[in-house]
Amino acid sequence: MPFSSPNPGGQVGPGADQPSGTKADLIAAERLALLNRRSNAAGWRQLWGHLALILVSGWLWGQTALPLLLRLPALALLGVALAFGFCALHECSHRTVFDQRDRNDRWAWWAGVISFYNADFFRRYHQWHHRYTHLPGLDPELEDPAPSSPRAYLLELTGLGWWLGKLRGHWRGLRGEFSGCPYIPPQAAGQVSNSIRRQWAVYGLLLLVSLPGGNGFGFWFWLLPLAIGQPLLRFVLMAEHGGCPFVADSLRNTRTTYTLAPLRWLMWNMPFHAEHHIYPSLPFHALERAHQQLAPQLTVVAPGYLAVHRGILANLAALAMPPASEAAVSAGAVSATAGSIP
């Protein structure tokens, strides 16, 4: 199927002509109230499972008595688990993992530390993304240019641009410089800067721990694995909106991707991404059940991440933003099917 269709990398569903602004009709209010219920038990199971994956894979990687061929898969798994700490950050930033606001915020912050994001900055950035999903000039996720050649596509997947962007962003945040970030209001700038400073204090402690005996703990058990795991995270995140129409309609500007259960678990169910954008208040554990209700209405659905990326490579031009005149029209409307972070 050509990537220029409204459903690159997947099939067009019966909801292709579904107009924007009908979110209230997609799931009955009573059903939605049930789906919206937080579950501390589900949150703890997911969180401790993710942390256990980090600890076990890290322990195996550190067993120097084992053959290297056995340790290298553990290194790769550790890297993926650290990089996908972003998914824990994302869910806790929505404050839907636990029913206590401060518990969500606390775990979001630590998930950001291990995945090299800052939770207090990300929460505001991400709320802007939900408010203006895939609208040029408004959605901060569109600030970086999309890859326009196979070489640029491969470079994007390496995560190099992400590392450079994160270092620049952290440096500006440490100095309290948030110009060009409309999602960071002046009254929040101090709080976000202090959060970033505390985060870098943790990295400073990690460096100190790495110095005795020159053991390089921070490099071998965090920096190197995180760099190894980053390409897979870039691979799946590119599929969330890449190639979708630049319109204010969550049924069209966001893709749900079917994938294997282990990857869904590692991503905290974020492959059900259209469902998440239609109802941002849904906890991660309710997204699969919401999908059962919403599937007939979804218009951008892919049978797998490989299918999405085959479509991307077949038509990289579809990733490019529309001309300025078309972008201005899109920017004039805020998606009626998108909500803000609770």
C-alpha atoms as a PDB file:
ATOM      1  CA  MET A   1       0.000   0.000   0.000  1.00  0.00           C
ATOM      2  CA  PRO A   2       1.467   3.405  -0.892  1.00  0.00           C
ATOM      3  CA  PHE A   3       2.626   5.429   2.062  1.00  0.00           C
ATOM      4  CA  SER A   4       0.820   8.520   0.830  1.00  0.00           C
ATOM      5  CA  SER A   5      -2.529   7.061   1.833  1.00  0.00           C
ATOM      6  CA  PRO A   6      -4.203   8.259   5.066  1.00  0.00           C
ATOM      7  CA  ASN A   7      -3.055   5.015   6.631  1.00  0.00           C
ATOM      8  CA  PRO A   8       0.636   4.488   5.817  1.00  0.00           C
ATOM      9  CA  GLY A   9       1.939   1.124   6.858  1.00  0.00           C
ATOM     10  CA  GLY A  10      -1.484  -0.288   7.666  1.00  0.00           C
ATOM     11  CA  GLN A  11      -5.054  -0.698   6.497  1.00  0.00           C
ATOM     12  CA  VAL A  12      -7.809   1.883   6.276  1.00  0.00           C
ATOM     13  CA  GLY A  13     -10.593   1.131   8.733  1.00  0.00           C
ATOM     14  CA  PRO A  14     -14.308   1.788   8.409  1.00  0.00           C
ATOM     15  CA  GLY A  15     -13.927   5.009  10.389  1.00  0.00           C
ATOM     16  CA  ALA A  16     -11.960   6.711   7.603  1.00  0.00           C
ATOM     17  CA  ASP A  17     -14.628   9.370   7.147  1.00  0.00           C
ATOM     18  CA  GLN A  18     -15.198   9.816  10.877  1.00  0.00           C
ATOM     19  CA  PRO A  19     -15.351  13.575  11.483  1.00  0.00           C
ATOM     20  CA  SER A  20     -13.383  15.331  14.185  1.00  0.00           C
ATOM     21  CA  GLY A  21     -15.201  16.241  17.368  1.00  0.00           C
ATOM     22  CA  THR A  22     -17.185  13.041  17.955  1.00  0.00           C
ATOM     23  CA  LYS A  23     -15.050  11.652  20.760  1.00  0.00           C
ATOM     24  CA  ALA A  24     -17.949  11.591  23.188  1.00  0.00           C
ATOM     25  CA  ASP A  25     -19.780   9.170  20.920  1.00  0.00           C
ATOM     26  CA  LEU A  26     -16.972   6.633  20.591  1.00  0.00           C
ATOM     27  CA  ILE A  27     -17.205   5.094  24.081  1.00  0.00           C
ATOM     28  CA  ALA A  28     -20.301   5.364  26.249  1.00  0.00           C
ATOM     29  CA  ALA A  29     -19.875   7.537  29.342  1.00  0.00           C
ATOM     30  CA  GLU A  30     -20.507   4.648  31.748  1.00  0.00           C
ATOM     31  CA  ARG A  31     -17.948   2.441  30.008  1.00  0.00           C
ATOM     32  CA  LEU A  32     -15.444   5.278  29.867  1.00  0.00           C
ATOM     33  CA  ALA A  33     -15.795   5.907  33.601  1.00  0.00           C
ATOM     34  CA  LEU A  34     -14.865   2.282  34.251  1.00  0.00           C
ATOM     35  CA  LEU A  35     -11.895   2.421  31.903  1.00  0.00           C
ATOM     36  CA  ASN A  36     -10.654   5.627  33.535  1.00  0.00           C
ATOM     37  CA  ARG A  37     -10.244   4.021  36.949  1.00  0.00           C
ATOM     38  CA  ARG A  38      -6.688   4.066  38.258  1.00  0.00           C
ATOM     39  CA  SER A  39      -5.256   0.875  39.726  1.00  0.00           C
ATOM     40  CA  ASN A  40      -2.355   1.083  42.138  1.00  0.00           C
ATOM     41  CA  ALA A  41      -1.961  -2.684  41.914  1.00  0.00           C
ATOM     42  CA  ALA A  42      -1.615  -2.586  38.114  1.00  0.00           C
ATOM     43  CA  GLY A  43       0.747   0.368  38.392  1.00  0.00           C
ATOM     44  CA  TRP A  44       3.025  -1.354  40.883  1.00  0.00           C
ATOM     45  CA  ARG A  45       3.073  -4.599  38.878  1.00  0.00           C
ATOM     46  CA  GLN A  46       4.127  -2.762  35.742  1.00  0.00           C
ATOM     47  CA  LEU A  47       6.646  -0.541  37.490  1.00  0.00           C
ATOM     48  CA  TRP A  48       8.318  -3.285  39.513  1.00  0.00           C
ATOM     49  CA  GLY A  49       8.367  -5.538  36.483  1.00  0.00           C
ATOM     50  CA  HIS A  50      10.190  -2.871  34.495  1.00  0.00           C
ATOM     51  CA  LEU A  51      12.635  -2.232  37.349  1.00  0.00           C
ATOM     52  CA  ALA A  52      13.226  -5.981  37.736  1.00  0.00           C
ATOM     53  CA  LEU A  53      14.137  -6.202  34.053  1.00  0.00           C
ATOM     54  CA  ILE A  54      16.709  -3.450  34.542  1.00  0.00           C
ATOM     55  CA  LEU A  55      18.184  -5.050  37.660  1.00  0.00           C
ATOM     56  CA  VAL A  56      18.329  -8.627  36.357  1.00  0.00           C
ATOM     57  CA  SER A  57      19.761  -7.712  32.960  1.00  0.00           C
ATOM     58  CA  GLY A  58      22.238  -5.355  34.636  1.00  0.00           C
ATOM     59  CA  TRP A  59      23.320  -8.080  37.035  1.00  0.00           C
ATOM     60  CA  LEU A  60      23.865 -10.551  34.186  1.00  0.00           C
ATOM     61  CA  TRP A  61      25.829  -7.976  32.192  1.00  0.00           C
ATOM     62  CA  GLY A  62      28.030  -7.413  35.245  1.00  0.00           C
ATOM     63  CA  GLN A  63      28.905 -11.105  35.668  1.00  0.00           C
ATOM     64  CA  THR A  64      32.353 -10.993  34.114  1.00  0.00           C
ATOM     65  CA  ALA A  65      32.857 -14.710  34.786  1.00  0.00           C
ATOM     66  CA  LEU A  66      30.217 -15.498  32.163  1.00  0.00           C
ATOM     67  CA  PRO A  67      31.168 -15.783  28.472  1.00  0.00           C
ATOM     68  CA  LEU A  68      30.823 -12.515  26.594  1.00  0.00           C
ATOM     69  CA  LEU A  69      28.367 -14.109  24.162  1.00  0.00           C
ATOM     70  CA  LEU A  70      26.011 -14.663  27.074  1.00  0.00           C
ATOM     71  CA  ARG A  71      26.551 -11.199  28.542  1.00  0.00           C
ATOM     72  CA  LEU A  72      25.979  -9.238  25.337  1.00  0.00           C
ATOM     73  CA  PRO A  73      22.250 -10.100  25.106  1.00  0.00           C
ATOM     74  CA  ALA A  74      21.936  -8.966  28.724  1.00  0.00           C
ATOM     75  CA  LEU A  75      23.638  -5.689  27.781  1.00  0.00           C
ATOM     76  CA  ALA A  76      21.187  -5.177  24.917  1.00  0.00           C
ATOM     77  CA  LEU A  77      18.229  -5.984  27.169  1.00  0.00           C
ATOM     78  CA  LEU A  78      19.523  -3.604  29.843  1.00  0.00           C
ATOM     79  CA  GLY A  79      19.841  -0.861  27.247  1.00  0.00           C
ATOM     80  CA  VAL A  80      16.330  -1.370  25.943  1.00  0.00           C
ATOM     81  CA  ALA A  81      14.907  -1.427  29.476  1.00  0.00           C
ATOM     82  CA  LEU A  82      16.705   1.822  30.345  1.00  0.00           C
ATOM     83  CA  ALA A  83      15.698   3.580  27.127  1.00  0.00           C
ATOM     84  CA  PHE A  84      12.096   2.446  27.507  1.00  0.00           C
ATOM     85  CA  GLY A  85      12.093   3.994  30.946  1.00  0.00           C
ATOM     86  CA  PHE A  86      10.749   6.817  28.789  1.00  0.00           C
ATOM     87  CA  CYS A  87       7.466   4.897  28.599  1.00  0.00           C
ATOM     88  CA  ALA A  88       7.248   4.799  32.397  1.00  0.00           C
ATOM     89  CA  LEU A  89       7.999   8.528  32.439  1.00  0.00           C
ATOM     90  CA  HIS A  90       5.286   9.130  29.860  1.00  0.00           C
ATOM     91  CA  GLU A  91       2.603   7.244  31.756  1.00  0.00           C
ATOM     92  CA  CYS A  92       3.479   8.715  35.144  1.00  0.00           C
ATOM     93  CA  SER A  93       3.538  12.181  33.549  1.00  0.00           C
ATOM     94  CA  HIS A  94      -0.105  11.636  32.634  1.00  0.00           C
ATOM     95  CA  ARG A  95      -0.622  10.869  36.333  1.00  0.00           C
ATOM     96  CA  THR A  96      -2.664   7.782  35.475  1.00  0.00           C
ATOM     97  CA  VAL A  97      -0.374   5.024  36.820  1.00  0.00           C
ATOM     98  CA  PHE A  98      -1.312   5.584  40.469  1.00  0.00           C
ATOM     99  CA  ASP A  99      -4.243   7.335  42.077  1.00  0.00           C
ATOM    100  CA  GLN A 100      -1.914   9.621  44.075  1.00  0.00           C
ATOM    101  CA  ARG A 101      -0.631  12.656  42.173  1.00  0.00           C
ATOM    102  CA  ASP A 102       2.646  12.949  44.097  1.00  0.00           C
ATOM    103  CA  ARG A 103       3.446   9.252  43.602  1.00  0.00           C
ATOM    104  CA  ASN A 104       3.027   9.627  39.842  1.00  0.00           C
ATOM    105  CA  ASP A 105       5.248  12.712  39.850  1.00  0.00           C
ATOM    106  CA  ARG A 106       7.936  11.093  41.981  1.00  0.00           C
ATOM    107  CA  TRP A 107       8.247   8.010  39.778  1.00  0.00           C
ATOM    108  CA  ALA A 108       8.040  10.114  36.626  1.00  0.00           C
ATOM    109  CA  TRP A 109      11.076  12.053  37.842  1.00  0.00           C
ATOM    110  CA  TRP A 110      13.154   8.931  38.488  1.00  0.00           C
ATOM    111  CA  ALA A 111      12.068   7.351  35.208  1.00  0.00           C
ATOM    112  CA  GLY A 112      13.279  10.531  33.534  1.00  0.00           C
ATOM    113  CA  VAL A 113      16.631  10.248  35.294  1.00  0.00           C
ATOM    114  CA  ILE A 114      17.305   6.765  33.952  1.00  0.00           C
ATOM    115  CA  SER A 115      16.065   7.597  30.435  1.00  0.00           C
ATOM    116  CA  PHE A 116      17.791  11.038  30.275  1.00  0.00           C
ATOM    117  CA  TYR A 117      14.574  13.045  30.165  1.00  0.00           C
ATOM    118  CA  ASN A 118      13.465  15.591  32.731  1.00  0.00           C
ATOM    119  CA  ALA A 119       9.966  14.846  33.996  1.00  0.00           C
ATOM    120  CA  ASP A 120       8.982  18.399  34.935  1.00  0.00           C
ATOM    121  CA  PHE A 121       9.992  19.732  31.526  1.00  0.00           C
ATOM    122  CA  PHE A 122       8.511  16.760  29.690  1.00  0.00           C
ATOM    123  CA  ARG A 123       5.120  16.989  31.397  1.00  0.00           C
ATOM    124  CA  ARG A 124       4.560  20.514  30.092  1.00  0.00           C
ATOM    125  CA  TYR A 125       6.082  19.760  26.696  1.00  0.00           C
ATOM    126  CA  HIS A 126       3.917  16.680  26.342  1.00  0.00           C
ATOM    127  CA  GLN A 127       0.729  18.458  27.352  1.00  0.00           C
ATOM    128  CA  TRP A 128       1.381  20.898  24.502  1.00  0.00           C
ATOM    129  CA  HIS A 129       1.868  17.920  22.189  1.00  0.00           C
ATOM    130  CA  HIS A 130      -1.535  16.528  23.165  1.00  0.00           C
ATOM    131  CA  ARG A 131      -3.197  19.888  22.783  1.00  0.00           C
ATOM    132  CA  TYR A 132      -1.762  20.505  19.309  1.00  0.00           C
ATOM    133  CA  THR A 133      -1.024  17.008  18.057  1.00  0.00           C
ATOM    134  CA  HIS A 134       0.729  16.996  14.689  1.00  0.00           C
ATOM    135  CA  LEU A 135      -0.131  20.637  13.937  1.00  0.00           C
ATOM    136  CA  PRO A 136       2.836  22.428  12.322  1.00  0.00           C
ATOM    137  CA  GLY A 137       3.986  25.461  14.225  1.00  0.00           C
ATOM    138  CA  LEU A 138       2.269  24.293  17.416  1.00  0.00           C
ATOM    139  CA  ASP A 139       3.217  20.688  18.209  1.00  0.00           C
ATOM    140  CA  PRO A 140       6.701  20.788  19.800  1.00  0.00           C
ATOM    141  CA  GLU A 141       7.391  17.280  18.511  1.00  0.00           C
ATOM    142  CA  LEU A 142       7.553  18.777  15.011  1.00  0.00           C
ATOM    143  CA  GLU A 143      10.320  21.238  15.875  1.00  0.00           C
ATOM    144  CA  ASP A 144      13.071  18.921  14.659  1.00  0.00           C
ATOM    145  CA  PRO A 145      13.157  18.361  10.894  1.00  0.00           C
ATOM    146  CA  ALA A 146      11.941  14.969   9.714  1.00  0.00           C
ATOM    147  CA  PRO A 147      14.427  12.768   7.843  1.00  0.00           C
ATOM    148  CA  SER A 148      14.241  13.420   4.111  1.00  0.00           C
ATOM    149  CA  SER A 149      16.699  10.805   2.824  1.00  0.00           C
ATOM    150  CA  PRO A 150      17.605   7.195   3.678  1.00  0.00           C
ATOM    151  CA  ARG A 151      20.843   8.455   5.219  1.00  0.00           C
ATOM    152  CA  ALA A 152      18.992  10.957   7.424  1.00  0.00           C
ATOM    153  CA  TYR A 153      16.493   8.237   8.343  1.00  0.00           C
ATOM    154  CA  LEU A 154      19.286   5.939   9.537  1.00  0.00           C
ATOM    155  CA  LEU A 155      20.916   8.804  11.419  1.00  0.00           C
ATOM    156  CA  GLU A 156      17.605   9.467  13.151  1.00  0.00           C
ATOM    157  CA  LEU A 157      17.427   5.851  14.294  1.00  0.00           C
ATOM    158  CA  THR A 158      20.917   5.969  15.814  1.00  0.00           C
ATOM    159  CA  GLY A 159      19.647   8.456  18.378  1.00  0.00           C
ATOM    160  CA  LEU A 160      22.580  10.809  17.786  1.00  0.00           C
ATOM    161  CA  GLY A 161      20.289  13.766  17.135  1.00  0.00           C
ATOM    162  CA  TRP A 162      18.299  12.876  20.247  1.00  0.00           C
ATOM    163  CA  TRP A 163      21.456  12.890  22.417  1.00  0.00           C
ATOM    164  CA  LEU A 164      22.563  16.252  21.064  1.00  0.00           C
ATOM    165  CA  GLY A 165      19.090  17.707  21.499  1.00  0.00           C
ATOM    166  CA  LYS A 166      18.831  16.440  25.065  1.00  0.00           C
ATOM    167  CA  LEU A 167      22.251  17.855  25.996  1.00  0.00           C
ATOM    168  CA  ARG A 168      21.337  21.247  24.545  1.00  0.00           C
ATOM    169  CA  GLY A 169      17.945  21.190  26.259  1.00  0.00           C
ATOM    170  CA  HIS A 170      19.376  20.225  29.635  1.00  0.00           C
ATOM    171  CA  TRP A 171      22.053  22.924  29.347  1.00  0.00           C
ATOM    172  CA  ARG A 172      19.462  25.592  28.600  1.00  0.00           C
ATOM    173  CA  GLY A 173      17.305  24.305  31.453  1.00  0.00           C
ATOM    174  CA  LEU A 174      20.201  24.416  33.901  1.00  0.00           C
ATOM    175  CA  ARG A 175      20.587  28.093  33.036  1.00  0.00           C
ATOM    176  CA  GLY A 176      16.856  28.740  33.221  1.00  0.00           C
ATOM    177  CA  GLU A 177      16.696  29.570  29.518  1.00  0.00           C
ATOM    178  CA  PHE A 178      13.307  28.544  28.103  1.00  0.00           C
ATOM    179  CA  SER A 179      12.863  30.991  25.259  1.00  0.00           C
ATOM    180  CA  GLY A 180      11.102  29.293  22.380  1.00  0.00           C
ATOM    181  CA  CYS A 181       9.305  26.973  24.833  1.00  0.00           C
ATOM    182  CA  PRO A 182       5.758  28.390  25.150  1.00  0.00           C
ATOM    183  CA  TYR A 183       4.771  25.354  27.209  1.00  0.00           C
ATOM    184  CA  ILE A 184       7.082  26.527  30.028  1.00  0.00           C
ATOM    185  CA  PRO A 185       5.334  29.610  31.449  1.00  0.00           C
ATOM    186  CA  PRO A 186       7.491  32.091  33.415  1.00  0.00           C
ATOM    187  CA  GLN A 187       5.943  31.020  36.724  1.00  0.00           C
ATOM    188  CA  ALA A 188       7.075  27.421  36.106  1.00  0.00           C
ATOM    189  CA  ALA A 189      10.591  28.173  34.829  1.00  0.00           C
ATOM    190  CA  GLY A 190      12.193  28.129  38.273  1.00  0.00           C
ATOM    191  CA  GLN A 191      10.608  24.827  39.231  1.00  0.00           C
ATOM    192  CA  VAL A 192      11.686  23.170  35.978  1.00  0.00           C
ATOM    193  CA  SER A 193      15.246  24.517  36.266  1.00  0.00           C
ATOM    194  CA  ASN A 194      15.544  23.260  39.841  1.00  0.00           C
ATOM    195  CA  SER A 195      14.285  19.853  38.746  1.00  0.00           C
ATOM    196  CA  ILE A 196      16.927  19.659  36.018  1.00  0.00           C
ATOM    197  CA  ARG A 197      19.626  20.734  38.487  1.00  0.00           C
ATOM    198  CA  ARG A 198      18.600  18.000  40.910  1.00  0.00           C
ATOM    199  CA  GLN A 199      18.715  15.509  38.069  1.00  0.00           C
ATOM    200  CA  TRP A 200      22.250  16.522  37.146  1.00  0.00           C
ATOM    201  CA  ALA A 201      23.216  16.269  40.814  1.00  0.00           C
ATOM    202  CA  VAL A 202      22.214  12.596  40.559  1.00  0.00           C
ATOM    203  CA  TYR A 203      24.414  12.235  37.465  1.00  0.00           C
ATOM    204  CA  GLY A 204      27.235  13.880  39.407  1.00  0.00           C
ATOM    205  CA  LEU A 205      26.846  11.296  42.174  1.00  0.00           C
ATOM    206  CA  LEU A 206      26.862   8.546  39.561  1.00  0.00           C
ATOM    207  CA  LEU A 207      30.125   9.937  38.237  1.00  0.00           C
ATOM    208  CA  LEU A 208      31.621   9.936  41.732  1.00  0.00           C
ATOM    209  CA  VAL A 209      30.566   6.315  42.212  1.00  0.00           C
ATOM    210  CA  SER A 210      32.310   5.501  38.928  1.00  0.00           C
ATOM    211  CA  LEU A 211      35.633   7.018  39.955  1.00  0.00           C
ATOM    212  CA  PRO A 212      36.880   4.683  42.711  1.00  0.00           C
ATOM    213  CA  GLY A 213      39.211   2.192  41.106  1.00  0.00           C
ATOM    214  CA  GLY A 214      38.261   3.529  37.708  1.00  0.00           C
ATOM    215  CA  ASN A 215      35.361   1.056  37.507  1.00  0.00           C
ATOM    216  CA  GLY A 216      33.390   3.245  35.093  1.00  0.00           C
ATOM    217  CA  PHE A 217      30.073   2.114  36.573  1.00  0.00           C
ATOM    218  CA  GLY A 218      28.162   5.034  35.079  1.00  0.00           C
ATOM    219  CA  PHE A 219      29.500   4.293  31.614  1.00  0.00           C
ATOM    220  CA  TRP A 220      29.179   0.510  31.604  1.00  0.00           C
ATOM    221  CA  PHE A 221      25.812   0.241  33.370  1.00  0.00           C
ATOM    222  CA  TRP A 222      24.007   3.382  32.222  1.00  0.00           C
ATOM    223  CA  LEU A 223      25.509   5.446  29.414  1.00  0.00           C
ATOM    224  CA  LEU A 224      26.603   2.591  27.132  1.00  0.00           C
ATOM    225  CA  PRO A 225      23.437   0.496  27.577  1.00  0.00           C
ATOM    226  CA  LEU A 226      21.210   3.552  27.130  1.00  0.00           C
ATOM    227  CA  ALA A 227      22.972   4.373  23.851  1.00  0.00           C
ATOM    228  CA  ILE A 228      22.500   0.773  22.690  1.00  0.00           C
ATOM    229  CA  GLY A 229      18.791   0.761  23.561  1.00  0.00           C
ATOM    230  CA  GLN A 230      18.022   4.165  22.094  1.00  0.00           C
ATOM    231  CA  PRO A 231      17.659   3.068  18.412  1.00  0.00           C
ATOM    232  CA  LEU A 232      14.766   0.723  19.226  1.00  0.00           C
ATOM    233  CA  LEU A 233      13.000   3.505  21.100  1.00  0.00           C
ATOM    234  CA  ARG A 234      13.508   5.860  18.137  1.00  0.00           C
ATOM    235  CA  PHE A 235      12.159   3.106  15.868  1.00  0.00           C
ATOM    236  CA  VAL A 236       8.860   2.764  17.711  1.00  0.00           C
ATOM    237  CA  LEU A 237       8.361   6.445  18.489  1.00  0.00           C
ATOM    238  CA  MET A 238       8.737   7.387  14.831  1.00  0.00           C
ATOM    239  CA  ALA A 239       5.670   5.247  14.103  1.00  0.00           C
ATOM    240  CA  GLU A 240       3.337   7.111  16.471  1.00  0.00           C
ATOM    241  CA  HIS A 241       2.627  10.041  14.148  1.00  0.00           C
ATOM    242  CA  GLY A 242       5.145   9.772  11.320  1.00  0.00           C
ATOM    243  CA  GLY A 243       3.451   9.951   7.933  1.00  0.00           C
ATOM    244  CA  CYS A 244       0.024  10.708   9.389  1.00  0.00           C
ATOM    245  CA  PRO A 245      -1.950  13.702   8.077  1.00  0.00           C
ATOM    246  CA  PHE A 246      -1.184  17.082   9.632  1.00  0.00           C
ATOM    247  CA  VAL A 247      -4.753  17.616  10.805  1.00  0.00           C
ATOM    248  CA  ALA A 248      -6.533  18.352  14.082  1.00  0.00           C
ATOM    249  CA  ASP A 249      -8.176  14.951  14.388  1.00  0.00           C
ATOM    250  CA  SER A 250      -6.854  12.228  16.687  1.00  0.00           C
ATOM    251  CA  LEU A 251      -8.522   9.577  14.559  1.00  0.00           C
ATOM    252  CA  ARG A 252      -6.280  10.563  11.644  1.00  0.00           C
ATOM    253  CA  ASN A 253      -3.098  12.127  13.031  1.00  0.00           C
ATOM    254  CA  THR A 254      -2.067   9.230  15.296  1.00  0.00           C
ATOM    255  CA  ARG A 255      -1.306   5.596  14.521  1.00  0.00           C
ATOM    256  CA  THR A 256      -2.092   2.452  16.474  1.00  0.00           C
ATOM    257  CA  THR A 257       0.407  -0.323  15.730  1.00  0.00           C
ATOM    258  CA  TYR A 258      -0.166  -4.000  16.396  1.00  0.00           C
ATOM    259  CA  THR A 259       2.900  -5.678  17.828  1.00  0.00           C
ATOM    260  CA  LEU A 260       4.077  -8.542  20.015  1.00  0.00           C
ATOM    261  CA  ALA A 261       2.953  -8.698  23.640  1.00  0.00           C
ATOM    262  CA  PRO A 262       6.494  -8.321  25.114  1.00  0.00           C
ATOM    263  CA  LEU A 263       7.001  -5.048  23.254  1.00  0.00           C
ATOM    264  CA  ARG A 264       3.542  -3.811  24.261  1.00  0.00           C
ATOM    265  CA  TRP A 265       4.442  -4.573  27.867  1.00  0.00           C
ATOM    266  CA  LEU A 266       7.797  -2.806  27.638  1.00  0.00           C
ATOM    267  CA  MET A 267       6.061   0.213  26.082  1.00  0.00           C
ATOM    268  CA  TRP A 268       3.367   0.338  28.754  1.00  0.00           C
ATOM    269  CA  ASN A 269       0.739  -0.320  26.038  1.00  0.00           C
ATOM    270  CA  MET A 270       1.713   2.760  24.031  1.00  0.00           C
ATOM    271  CA  PRO A 271       1.374   0.932  20.679  1.00  0.00           C
ATOM    272  CA  PHE A 272      -2.352   1.666  21.273  1.00  0.00           C
ATOM    273  CA  HIS A 273      -1.416   5.237  20.560  1.00  0.00           C
ATOM    274  CA  ALA A 274      -4.512   6.511  18.802  1.00  0.00           C
ATOM    275  CA  GLU A 275      -6.571   5.289  21.750  1.00  0.00           C
ATOM    276  CA  HIS A 276      -4.244   7.161  24.071  1.00  0.00           C
ATOM    277  CA  HIS A 277      -4.587  10.408  22.128  1.00  0.00           C
ATOM    278  CA  ILE A 278      -8.351  10.160  21.849  1.00  0.00           C
ATOM    279  CA  TYR A 279      -8.643   9.589  25.611  1.00  0.00           C
ATOM    280  CA  PRO A 280      -5.416  10.790  27.339  1.00  0.00           C
ATOM    281  CA  SER A 281      -6.981  10.166  30.752  1.00  0.00           C
ATOM    282  CA  LEU A 282      -7.024   6.386  30.228  1.00  0.00           C
ATOM    283  CA  PRO A 283      -4.516   4.437  32.347  1.00  0.00           C
ATOM    284  CA  PHE A 284      -2.047   2.310  30.403  1.00  0.00           C
ATOM    285  CA  HIS A 285      -3.719  -0.929  31.535  1.00  0.00           C
ATOM    286  CA  ALA A 286      -7.084   0.168  30.056  1.00  0.00           C
ATOM    287  CA  LEU A 287      -5.827   0.941  26.553  1.00  0.00           C
ATOM    288  CA  GLU A 288      -6.225  -2.587  25.191  1.00  0.00           C
ATOM    289  CA  ARG A 289      -9.815  -2.705  26.400  1.00  0.00           C
ATOM    290  CA  ALA A 290     -10.426   0.737  24.910  1.00  0.00           C
ATOM    291  CA  HIS A 291      -9.014  -0.545  21.634  1.00  0.00           C
ATOM    292  CA  GLN A 292     -11.725  -3.192  21.516  1.00  0.00           C
ATOM    293  CA  GLN A 293     -14.279  -0.388  21.569  1.00  0.00           C
ATOM    294  CA  LEU A 294     -12.451   2.018  19.260  1.00  0.00           C
ATOM    295  CA  ALA A 295     -10.973  -0.332  16.637  1.00  0.00           C
ATOM    296  CA  PRO A 296     -13.845   0.044  14.132  1.00  0.00           C
ATOM    297  CA  GLN A 297     -13.398   3.829  14.189  1.00  0.00           C
ATOM    298  CA  LEU A 298      -9.610   4.002  13.850  1.00  0.00           C
ATOM    299  CA  THR A 299      -8.324   5.143  10.481  1.00  0.00           C
ATOM    300  CA  VAL A 300      -4.548   4.754  10.853  1.00  0.00           C
ATOM    301  CA  VAL A 301      -3.720   1.215  11.966  1.00  0.00           C
ATOM    302  CA  ALA A 302      -0.547  -0.693  11.122  1.00  0.00           C
ATOM    303  CA  PRO A 303      -0.003  -4.479  11.301  1.00  0.00           C
ATOM    304  CA  GLY A 304       3.479  -3.985  12.785  1.00  0.00           C
ATOM    305  CA  TYR A 305       6.410  -1.608  13.138  1.00  0.00           C
ATOM    306  CA  LEU A 306       8.245  -3.134  10.202  1.00  0.00           C
ATOM    307  CA  ALA A 307       5.226  -2.376   8.011  1.00  0.00           C
ATOM    308  CA  VAL A 308       5.237   1.239   9.189  1.00  0.00           C
ATOM    309  CA  HIS A 309       8.923   1.667   8.428  1.00  0.00           C
ATOM    310  CA  ARG A 310       8.644   0.029   5.040  1.00  0.00           C
ATOM    311  CA  GLY A 311       6.054   2.679   4.274  1.00  0.00           C
ATOM    312  CA  ILE A 312       8.274   5.425   5.647  1.00  0.00           C
ATOM    313  CA  LEU A 313      11.208   4.364   3.487  1.00  0.00           C
ATOM    314  CA  ALA A 314       8.961   4.070   0.440  1.00  0.00           C
ATOM    315  CA  ASN A 315       7.893   7.705   0.768  1.00  0.00           C
ATOM    316  CA  LEU A 316      10.033   9.791   3.099  1.00  0.00           C
ATOM    317  CA  ALA A 317       8.430  12.920   1.647  1.00  0.00           C
ATOM    318  CA  ALA A 318       5.250  12.056   3.569  1.00  0.00           C
ATOM    319  CA  LEU A 319       7.101  12.907   6.797  1.00  0.00           C
ATOM    320  CA  ALA A 320       7.700  16.488   5.674  1.00  0.00           C
ATOM    321  CA  MET A 321       5.450  19.231   6.970  1.00  0.00           C
ATOM    322  CA  PRO A 322       2.973  20.786   4.529  1.00  0.00           C
ATOM    323  CA  PRO A 323       3.582  24.168   2.871  1.00  0.00           C
ATOM    324  CA  ALA A 324       3.278  27.203   5.126  1.00  0.00           C
ATOM    325  CA  SER A 325      -0.166  28.092   3.785  1.00  0.00           C
ATOM    326  CA  GLU A 326      -1.583  24.652   4.592  1.00  0.00           C
ATOM    327  CA  ALA A 327       0.155  24.610   7.960  1.00  0.00           C
ATOM    328  CA  ALA A 328      -1.463  27.936   8.857  1.00  0.00           C
ATOM    329  CA  VAL A 329      -4.906  26.480   8.165  1.00  0.00           C
ATOM    330  CA  SER A 330      -4.171  23.450  10.347  1.00  0.00           C
ATOM    331  CA  ALA A 331      -2.779  25.634  13.116  1.00  0.00           C
ATOM    332  CA  GLY A 332      -6.069  27.505  13.262  1.00  0.00           C
ATOM    333  CA  ALA A 333      -7.858  24.502  14.763  1.00  0.00           C
ATOM    334  CA  VAL A 334      -7.169  22.607  17.962  1.00  0.00           C
ATOM    335  CA  SER A 335      -8.114  18.943  17.858  1.00  0.00           C
ATOM    336  CA  ALA A 336     -11.516  18.356  19.392  1.00  0.00           C
ATOM    337  CA  THR A 337     -10.606  14.741  20.032  1.00  0.00           C
ATOM    338  CA  ALA A 338      -7.412  15.476  21.951  1.00  0.00           C
ATOM    339  CA  GLY A 339      -7.346  16.258  25.632  1.00  0.00           C
ATOM    340  CA  SER A 340      -4.869  17.568  28.138  1.00  0.00           C
ATOM    341  CA  ILE A 341      -2.940  15.713  30.783  1.00  0.00           C
ATOM    342  CA  PRO A 342      -4.903  15.335  34.001  1.00  0.00           C
END
